[in-house]
C-alpha cells in the first residue's frame, strides 16, 4: 500500500464520524466497574479487628484443645 493510497483510505474512513465519541461508554463503564470493585475490596478492611473481643474469648476458652507440638499430620 502506498502512502497516497493510505492517506486516501484514512480520509475515506474519517467521514464515518468520531470513533472516540462512539466508544466513549467503554472507558466510563470500565471505570464504574473498577470503582465498584474497589469499594467491595475496601469494605473488607479491618474485618478481623471488628471481632477481636469475641476471638480472644474463643481462644481463651479453647486454649487446651489445640495440639501443642507439630501439625498433627
Protein backbone atom coordinates (compact mmCIF):
# COMPACT_ATOMS: atom_id res chain seq x y z
CA UNK A 1 0.00 0.00 0.00
CA UNK A 2 1.48 3.30 -1.00
CA UNK A 3 1.49 6.41 1.14
CA UNK A 4 -1.01 8.17 -1.13
CA UNK A 5 -3.47 5.30 -1.05
CA UNK A 6 -3.05 5.10 2.76
CA UNK A 7 -3.96 8.79 3.10
CA UNK A 8 -6.92 8.33 0.76
CA UNK A 9 -8.11 5.33 2.77
CA UNK A 10 -7.75 7.26 6.07
CA UNK A 11 -9.66 10.21 4.65
CA UNK A 12 -12.40 7.92 3.43
CA UNK A 13 -12.72 6.30 6.87
CA UNK A 14 -12.75 9.68 8.61
CA UNK A 15 -16.08 10.52 7.04
CA UNK A 16 -17.84 7.94 9.22
CA UNK A 17 -17.58 10.00 12.40
CA UNK A 18 -15.52 10.31 15.52
CA UNK A 19 -14.66 6.88 16.82
CA UNK A 20 -13.87 8.14 20.33
CA UNK A 21 -17.33 9.66 20.71
CA UNK A 22 -18.91 6.42 19.55
CA UNK A 23 -16.94 4.34 22.05
CA UNK A 24 -16.80 6.76 24.99
CA UNK A 25 -19.04 4.48 27.06
CA UNK A 26 -16.47 1.66 27.23
CA UNK A 27 -13.99 3.50 29.49
CA UNK A 28 -16.83 5.00 31.53
CA UNK A 29 -18.31 1.57 32.20
CA UNK A 30 -14.84 0.14 32.94
CA UNK A 31 -14.15 2.91 35.48
CA UNK A 32 -17.51 2.33 37.14
CA UNK A 33 -16.83 -1.41 37.44
CA UNK A 34 -13.34 -0.84 38.86
CA UNK A 35 -14.71 1.72 41.32
CA UNK A 36 -17.38 -0.75 42.46
CA UNK A 37 -14.79 -3.50 42.91
CA UNK A 38 -12.55 -1.13 44.86
CA UNK A 39 -15.43 -0.33 47.21
CA UNK A 40 -16.09 -4.04 47.72
CA UNK A 41 -12.41 -4.61 48.48
CA UNK A 42 -12.25 -1.69 50.90
CA UNK A 43 -15.36 -2.92 52.70
CA UNK A 44 -13.33 -5.89 54.00
CA UNK A 45 -10.67 -3.62 55.52
CA UNK A 46 -10.08 -4.27 59.24
CA UNK A 47 -12.68 -7.07 59.41
CA UNK A 48 -10.50 -9.21 61.69
CA UNK A 49 -10.24 -6.45 64.28
CA UNK A 50 -14.00 -5.89 64.41
CA UNK A 51 -14.42 -9.15 66.31
CA UNK A 52 -11.28 -9.04 68.44
CA UNK A 53 -13.01 -9.49 71.85
CA UNK A 54 -15.06 -12.42 70.56
CA UNK A 55 -11.95 -14.05 69.04
CA UNK A 56 -9.98 -13.53 72.27
CA UNK A 57 -12.76 -15.10 74.32
CA UNK A 58 -12.90 -18.10 71.97
CA UNK A 59 -9.12 -18.53 72.09
CA UNK A 60 -9.15 -18.37 75.88
CA UNK A 61 -11.98 -20.90 76.12
CA UNK A 62 -10.39 -23.37 73.69
CA UNK A 63 -6.74 -22.93 74.63
CA UNK A 64 -6.36 -26.57 75.70
CA UNK A 65 -7.98 -28.00 72.55
CA UNK A 66 -5.08 -27.17 70.24
CA UNK A 67 -2.23 -29.67 69.84
CA UNK A 68 0.95 -28.46 71.48
CA UNK A 69 3.60 -29.83 69.08
CA UNK A 70 3.62 -30.39 65.31
CA UNK A 71 0.82 -30.08 62.84
CA UNK A 72 -0.94 -33.28 63.79
CA UNK A 73 -0.31 -34.92 60.42
